[in-house]
């Protein structure tokens, strides 16, 4: 099973990330992972955490951008 990661990041990065998803995934060394990104307003920091449980994956399924 591939590792799943959830990222919260400021929405100012949304256009850049979604404009070239593969480049972003490569830069964060996650080509072998499933990646879920939540673009949020006014975040000063980003957050990264693993999605370990099926209920987490189901909750964030609409945020999946890769994998």
PDB file of N, CA and C in Angstrom:
ATOM      1  N   UNK A   1       0.844  -1.189   0.000  1.00  0.00           N
ATOM      2  CA  UNK A   1       0.000   0.000   0.000  1.00  0.00           C
ATOM      3  C   UNK A   1       0.884   1.246   0.000  1.00  0.00           C
ATOM      4  N   UNK A   2       0.532   2.191  -0.847  1.00  0.00           N
ATOM      5  CA  UNK A   2       1.289   3.432  -0.927  1.00  0.00           C
ATOM      6  C   UNK A   2       0.930   4.365   0.209  1.00  0.00           C
ATOM      7  N   UNK A   3       1.933   5.051   0.729  1.00  0.00           N
ATOM      8  CA  UNK A   3       1.724   6.031   1.782  1.00  0.00           C
ATOM      9  C   UNK A   3       0.880   7.179   1.246  1.00  0.00           C
ATOM     10  N   UNK A   4      -0.017   7.669   2.065  1.00  0.00           N
ATOM     11  CA  UNK A   4      -0.865   8.801   1.706  1.00  0.00           C
ATOM     12  C   UNK A   4      -0.503   9.975   2.601  1.00  0.00           C
ATOM     13  N   UNK A   5      -0.283  11.136   1.986  1.00  0.00           N
ATOM     14  CA  UNK A   5       0.040  12.310   2.782  1.00  0.00           C
ATOM     15  C   UNK A   5      -0.963  13.425   2.517  1.00  0.00           C
ATOM     16  N   UNK A   6      -1.242  14.172   3.570  1.00  0.00           N
ATOM     17  CA  UNK A   6      -2.176  15.289   3.535  1.00  0.00           C
ATOM     18  C   UNK A   6      -1.378  16.559   3.794  1.00  0.00           C
ATOM     19  N   UNK A   7      -1.579  17.562   2.947  1.00  0.00           N
ATOM     20  CA  UNK A   7      -0.865  18.829   3.072  1.00  0.00           C
ATOM     21  C   UNK A   7      -1.871  19.964   3.159  1.00  0.00           C
ATOM     22  N   UNK A   8      -1.672  20.846   4.142  1.00  0.00           N
ATOM     23  CA  UNK A   8      -2.427  22.096   4.214  1.00  0.00           C
ATOM     24  C   UNK A   8      -1.447  23.197   3.855  1.00  0.00           C
ATOM     25  N   UNK A   9      -1.821  24.020   2.887  1.00  0.00           N
ATOM     26  CA  UNK A   9      -0.940  25.078   2.410  1.00  0.00           C
ATOM     27  C   UNK A   9      -1.782  26.279   2.002  1.00  0.00           C
ATOM     28  N   UNK A  10      -1.183  27.452   2.041  1.00  0.00           N
ATOM     29  CA  UNK A  10      -1.912  28.676   1.698  1.00  0.00           C
ATOM     30  C   UNK A  10      -2.389  28.627   0.247  1.00  0.00           C
ATOM     31  N   UNK A  11      -3.540  29.195   0.024  1.00  0.00           N
ATOM     32  CA  UNK A  11      -4.147  29.167  -1.312  1.00  0.00           C
ATOM     33  C   UNK A  11      -3.366  29.969  -2.343  1.00  0.00           C
ATOM     34  N   UNK A  12      -2.420  30.812  -1.935  1.00  0.00           N
ATOM     35  CA  UNK A  12      -1.623  31.556  -2.914  1.00  0.00           C
ATOM     36  C   UNK A  12      -0.784  30.618  -3.776  1.00  0.00           C
ATOM     37  N   UNK A  13      -0.551  29.387  -3.304  1.00  0.00           N
ATOM     38  CA  UNK A  13       0.237  28.406  -4.044  1.00  0.00           C
ATOM     39  C   UNK A  13      -0.610  27.504  -4.942  1.00  0.00           C
ATOM     40  N   UNK A  14      -1.914  27.642  -4.873  1.00  0.00           N
ATOM     41  CA  UNK A  14      -2.805  26.733  -5.595  1.00  0.00           C
ATOM     42  C   UNK A  14      -2.554  26.732  -7.106  1.00  0.00           C
ATOM     43  N   UNK A  15      -2.458  27.894  -7.697  1.00  0.00           N
ATOM     44  CA  UNK A  15      -2.271  27.985  -9.147  1.00  0.00           C
ATOM     45  C   UNK A  15      -0.952  27.326  -9.562  1.00  0.00           C
ATOM     46  N   UNK A  16       0.116  27.590  -8.827  1.00  0.00           N
ATOM     47  CA  UNK A  16       1.420  27.004  -9.153  1.00  0.00           C
ATOM     48  C   UNK A  16       1.409  25.487  -9.005  1.00  0.00           C
ATOM     49  N   UNK A  17       0.838  24.996  -7.921  1.00  0.00           N
ATOM     50  CA  UNK A  17       0.831  23.555  -7.660  1.00  0.00           C
ATOM     51  C   UNK A  17      -0.048  22.826  -8.670  1.00  0.00           C
ATOM     52  N   UNK A  18      -1.268  23.301  -8.847  1.00  0.00           N
ATOM     53  CA  UNK A  18      -2.183  22.625  -9.757  1.00  0.00           C
ATOM     54  C   UNK A  18      -1.804  22.844 -11.223  1.00  0.00           C
ATOM     55  N   UNK A  19      -1.046  23.893 -11.494  1.00  0.00           N
ATOM     56  CA  UNK A  19      -0.585  24.155 -12.844  1.00  0.00           C
ATOM     57  C   UNK A  19       0.464  23.163 -13.316  1.00  0.00           C
ATOM     58  N   UNK A  20       1.181  22.569 -12.361  1.00  0.00           N
ATOM     59  CA  UNK A  20       2.185  21.565 -12.694  1.00  0.00           C
ATOM     60  C   UNK A  20       2.311  20.591 -11.518  1.00  0.00           C
ATOM     61  N   UNK A  21       1.325  19.740 -11.378  1.00  0.00           N
ATOM     62  CA  UNK A  21       1.253  18.799 -10.255  1.00  0.00           C
ATOM     63  C   UNK A  21       2.478  17.899 -10.220  1.00  0.00           C
ATOM     64  N   UNK A  22       2.884  17.373 -11.352  1.00  0.00           N
ATOM     65  CA  UNK A  22       4.013  16.450 -11.378  1.00  0.00           C
ATOM     66  C   UNK A  22       5.305  17.108 -10.879  1.00  0.00           C
ATOM     67  N   UNK A  23       5.524  18.352 -11.241  1.00  0.00           N
ATOM     68  CA  UNK A  23       6.702  19.073 -10.760  1.00  0.00           C
ATOM     69  C   UNK A  23       6.653  19.216  -9.237  1.00  0.00           C
ATOM     70  N   UNK A  24       5.497  19.600  -8.712  1.00  0.00           N
ATOM     71  CA  UNK A  24       5.332  19.743  -7.263  1.00  0.00           C
ATOM     72  C   UNK A  24       5.580  18.413  -6.556  1.00  0.00           C
ATOM     73  N   UNK A  25       4.981  17.349  -7.059  1.00  0.00           N
ATOM     74  CA  UNK A  25       5.134  16.031  -6.448  1.00  0.00           C
ATOM     75  C   UNK A  25       6.600  15.599  -6.477  1.00  0.00           C
ATOM     76  N   UNK A  26       7.284  15.863  -7.568  1.00  0.00           N
ATOM     77  CA  UNK A  26       8.711  15.534  -7.664  1.00  0.00           C
ATOM     78  C   UNK A  26       9.530  16.335  -6.660  1.00  0.00           C
ATOM     79  N   UNK A  27       9.230  17.618  -6.540  1.00  0.00           N
ATOM     80  CA  UNK A  27       9.980  18.481  -5.626  1.00  0.00           C
ATOM     81  C   UNK A  27       9.821  18.082  -4.168  1.00  0.00           C
ATOM     82  N   UNK A  28       8.698  17.504  -3.812  1.00  0.00           N
ATOM     83  CA  UNK A  28       8.512  17.063  -2.424  1.00  0.00           C
ATOM     84  C   UNK A  28       8.809  15.571  -2.266  1.00  0.00           C
ATOM     85  N   UNK A  29       9.437  14.994  -3.288  1.00  0.00           N
ATOM     86  CA  UNK A  29       9.871  13.592  -3.269  1.00  0.00           C
ATOM     87  C   UNK A  29       8.728  12.641  -2.912  1.00  0.00           C
ATOM     88  N   UNK A  30       7.618  12.772  -3.633  1.00  0.00           N
ATOM     89  CA  UNK A  30       6.424  11.979  -3.319  1.00  0.00           C
ATOM     90  C   UNK A  30       5.852  11.237  -4.518  1.00  0.00           C
ATOM     91  N   UNK A  31       6.688  10.917  -5.485  1.00  0.00           N
ATOM     92  CA  UNK A  31       6.208  10.200  -6.665  1.00  0.00           C
ATOM     93  C   UNK A  31       5.635   8.825  -6.324  1.00  0.00           C
ATOM     94  N   UNK A  32       6.027   8.268  -5.199  1.00  0.00           N
ATOM     95  CA  UNK A  32       5.547   6.954  -4.788  1.00  0.00           C
ATOM     96  C   UNK A  32       4.419   7.036  -3.747  1.00  0.00           C
ATOM     97  N   UNK A  33       3.828   8.222  -3.589  1.00  0.00           N
ATOM     98  CA  UNK A  33       2.793   8.430  -2.579  1.00  0.00           C
ATOM     99  C   UNK A  33       1.501   8.946  -3.211  1.00  0.00           C
ATOM    100  N   UNK A  34       0.433   8.853  -2.451  1.00  0.00           N
ATOM    101  CA  UNK A  34      -0.827   9.501  -2.819  1.00  0.00           C
ATOM    102  C   UNK A  34      -0.859  10.816  -2.042  1.00  0.00           C
ATOM    103  N   UNK A  35      -1.151  11.907  -2.748  1.00  0.00           N
ATOM    104  CA  UNK A  35      -1.035  13.231  -2.137  1.00  0.00           C
ATOM    105  C   UNK A  35      -2.381  13.953  -2.172  1.00  0.00           C
ATOM    106  N   UNK A  36      -2.759  14.478  -1.026  1.00  0.00           N
ATOM    107  CA  UNK A  36      -3.997  15.222  -0.841  1.00  0.00           C
ATOM    108  C   UNK A  36      -3.616  16.620  -0.365  1.00  0.00           C
ATOM    109  N   UNK A  37      -4.121  17.657  -1.033  1.00  0.00           N
ATOM    110  CA  UNK A  37      -3.747  19.031  -0.686  1.00  0.00           C
ATOM    111  C   UNK A  37      -4.995  19.855  -0.415  1.00  0.00           C
ATOM    112  N   UNK A  38      -4.956  20.565   0.697  1.00  0.00           N
ATOM    113  CA  UNK A  38      -6.035  21.473   1.078  1.00  0.00           C
ATOM    114  C   UNK A  38      -5.476  22.890   1.026  1.00  0.00           C
ATOM    115  N   UNK A  39      -5.965  23.690   0.075  1.00  0.00           N
ATOM    116  CA  UNK A  39      -5.541  25.080  -0.056  1.00  0.00           C
ATOM    117  C   UNK A  39      -6.432  25.924   0.840  1.00  0.00           C
ATOM    118  N   UNK A  40      -5.808  26.651   1.780  1.00  0.00           N
ATOM    119  CA  UNK A  40      -6.568  27.377   2.791  1.00  0.00           C
ATOM    120  C   UNK A  40      -6.188  28.852   2.788  1.00  0.00           C
ATOM    121  N   UNK A  41      -7.091  29.682   3.298  1.00  0.00           N
ATOM    122  CA  UNK A  41      -6.862  31.125   3.378  1.00  0.00           C
ATOM    123  C   UNK A  41      -5.908  31.472   4.514  1.00  0.00           C
ATOM    124  N   UNK A  42      -4.992  32.362   4.220  1.00  0.00           N
ATOM    125  CA  UNK A  42      -4.154  33.015   5.230  1.00  0.00           C
ATOM    126  C   UNK A  42      -3.406  32.079   6.173  1.00  0.00           C
ATOM    127  N   UNK A  43      -2.783  31.059   5.633  1.00  0.00           N
ATOM    128  CA  UNK A  43      -1.951  30.190   6.461  1.00  0.00           C
ATOM    129  C   UNK A  43      -0.535  30.746   6.496  1.00  0.00           C
ATOM    130  N   UNK A  44       0.045  30.849   7.679  1.00  0.00           N
ATOM    131  CA  UNK A  44       1.424  31.313   7.789  1.00  0.00           C
ATOM    132  C   UNK A  44       2.401  30.162   7.587  1.00  0.00           C
ATOM    133  N   UNK A  45       1.972  28.955   7.914  1.00  0.00           N
ATOM    134  CA  UNK A  45       2.811  27.775   7.811  1.00  0.00           C
ATOM    135  C   UNK A  45       2.059  26.680   7.067  1.00  0.00           C
ATOM    136  N   UNK A  46       2.805  25.734   6.554  1.00  0.00           N
ATOM    137  CA  UNK A  46       2.140  24.590   5.950  1.00  0.00           C
ATOM    138  C   UNK A  46       2.160  23.435   6.945  1.00  0.00           C
ATOM    139  N   UNK A  47       1.304  22.452   6.708  1.00  0.00           N
ATOM    140  CA  UNK A  47       1.218  21.284   7.586  1.00  0.00           C
ATOM    141  C   UNK A  47       1.209  20.044   6.707  1.00  0.00           C
ATOM    142  N   UNK A  48       1.971  19.047   7.113  1.00  0.00           N
ATOM    143  CA  UNK A  48       2.018  17.773   6.406  1.00  0.00           C
ATOM    144  C   UNK A  48       1.803  16.666   7.422  1.00  0.00           C
ATOM    145  N   UNK A  49       0.905  15.730   7.092  1.00  0.00           N
ATOM    146  CA  UNK A  49       0.683  14.594   7.990  1.00  0.00           C
ATOM    147  C   UNK A  49       0.272  13.370   7.176  1.00  0.00           C
ATOM    148  N   UNK A  50       0.565  12.200   7.690  1.00  0.00           N
ATOM    149  CA  UNK A  50       0.150  10.983   6.988  1.00  0.00           C
ATOM    150  C   UNK A  50      -1.336  10.728   7.200  1.00  0.00           C
ATOM    151  N   UNK A  51      -1.954  10.118   6.215  1.00  0.00           N
ATOM    152  CA  UNK A  51      -3.340   9.649   6.355  1.00  0.00           C
ATOM    153  C   UNK A  51      -3.253   8.149   6.601  1.00  0.00           C
ATOM    154  N   UNK A  52      -3.531   7.745   7.812  1.00  0.00           N
ATOM    155  CA  UNK A  52      -3.333   6.358   8.211  1.00  0.00           C
ATOM    156  C   UNK A  52      -4.598   5.520   8.190  1.00  0.00           C
ATOM    157  N   UNK A  53      -5.731   6.140   8.390  1.00  0.00           N
ATOM    158  CA  UNK A  53      -6.973   5.400   8.552  1.00  0.00           C
ATOM    159  C   UNK A  53      -7.923   5.632   7.384  1.00  0.00           C
ATOM    160  N   UNK A  54      -8.708   4.631   7.085  1.00  0.00           N
ATOM    161  CA  UNK A  54      -9.671   4.721   5.996  1.00  0.00           C
ATOM    162  C   UNK A  54     -10.616   5.896   6.141  1.00  0.00           C
ATOM    163  N   UNK A  55     -11.003   6.208   7.375  1.00  0.00           N
ATOM    164  CA  UNK A  55     -11.921   7.331   7.598  1.00  0.00           C
ATOM    165  C   UNK A  55     -11.265   8.660   7.229  1.00  0.00           C
ATOM    166  N   UNK A  56      -9.960   8.779   7.449  1.00  0.00           N
ATOM    167  CA  UNK A  56      -9.245   9.989   7.050  1.00  0.00           C
ATOM    168  C   UNK A  56      -9.210  10.108   5.525  1.00  0.00           C
ATOM    169  N   UNK A  57      -8.897   9.005   4.881  1.00  0.00           N
ATOM    170  CA  UNK A  57      -8.810   9.004   3.421  1.00  0.00           C
ATOM    171  C   UNK A  57     -10.153   9.374   2.815  1.00  0.00           C
ATOM    172  N   UNK A  58     -11.204   8.803   3.331  1.00  0.00           N
ATOM    173  CA  UNK A  58     -12.550   9.096   2.824  1.00  0.00           C
ATOM    174  C   UNK A  58     -12.894  10.573   3.015  1.00  0.00           C
ATOM    175  N   UNK A  59     -12.525  11.126   4.159  1.00  0.00           N
ATOM    176  CA  UNK A  59     -12.816  12.524   4.479  1.00  0.00           C
ATOM    177  C   UNK A  59     -12.119  13.483   3.502  1.00  0.00           C
ATOM    178  N   UNK A  60     -10.899  13.131   3.080  1.00  0.00           N
ATOM    179  CA  UNK A  60     -10.108  14.023   2.235  1.00  0.00           C
ATOM    180  C   UNK A  60     -10.056  13.595   0.770  1.00  0.00           C
ATOM    181  N   UNK A  61     -10.864  12.639   0.385  1.00  0.00           N
ATOM    182  CA  UNK A  61     -10.799  12.086  -0.968  1.00  0.00           C
ATOM    183  C   UNK A  61     -10.927  13.154  -2.058  1.00  0.00           C
ATOM    184  N   UNK A  62     -11.740  14.160  -1.843  1.00  0.00           N
ATOM    185  CA  UNK A  62     -11.918  15.198  -2.865  1.00  0.00           C
ATOM    186  C   UNK A  62     -10.723  16.145  -2.977  1.00  0.00           C
ATOM    187  N   UNK A  63      -9.745  16.027  -2.079  1.00  0.00           N
ATOM    188  CA  UNK A  63      -8.548  16.862  -2.106  1.00  0.00           C
ATOM    189  C   UNK A  63      -7.368  16.184  -2.778  1.00  0.00           C
ATOM    190  N   UNK A  64      -7.573  14.971  -3.284  1.00  0.00           N
ATOM    191  CA  UNK A  64      -6.484  14.194  -3.878  1.00  0.00           C
ATOM    192  C   UNK A  64      -6.028  14.842  -5.180  1.00  0.00           C
ATOM    193  N   UNK A  65      -4.700  15.070  -5.291  1.00  0.00           N
ATOM    194  CA  UNK A  65      -4.160  15.640  -6.522  1.00  0.00           C
ATOM    195  C   UNK A  65      -3.205  14.698  -7.235  1.00  0.00           C
ATOM    196  N   UNK A  66      -2.799  13.610  -6.565  1.00  0.00           N
ATOM    197  CA  UNK A  66      -1.835  12.700  -7.179  1.00  0.00           C
ATOM    198  C   UNK A  66      -1.935  11.307  -6.547  1.00  0.00           C
ATOM    199  N   UNK A  67      -1.683  10.308  -7.363  1.00  0.00           N
ATOM    200  CA  UNK A  67      -1.568   8.939  -6.867  1.00  0.00           C
ATOM    201  C   UNK A  67      -2.776   8.072  -7.057  1.00  0.00           C
TER     202      UNK A  67
END
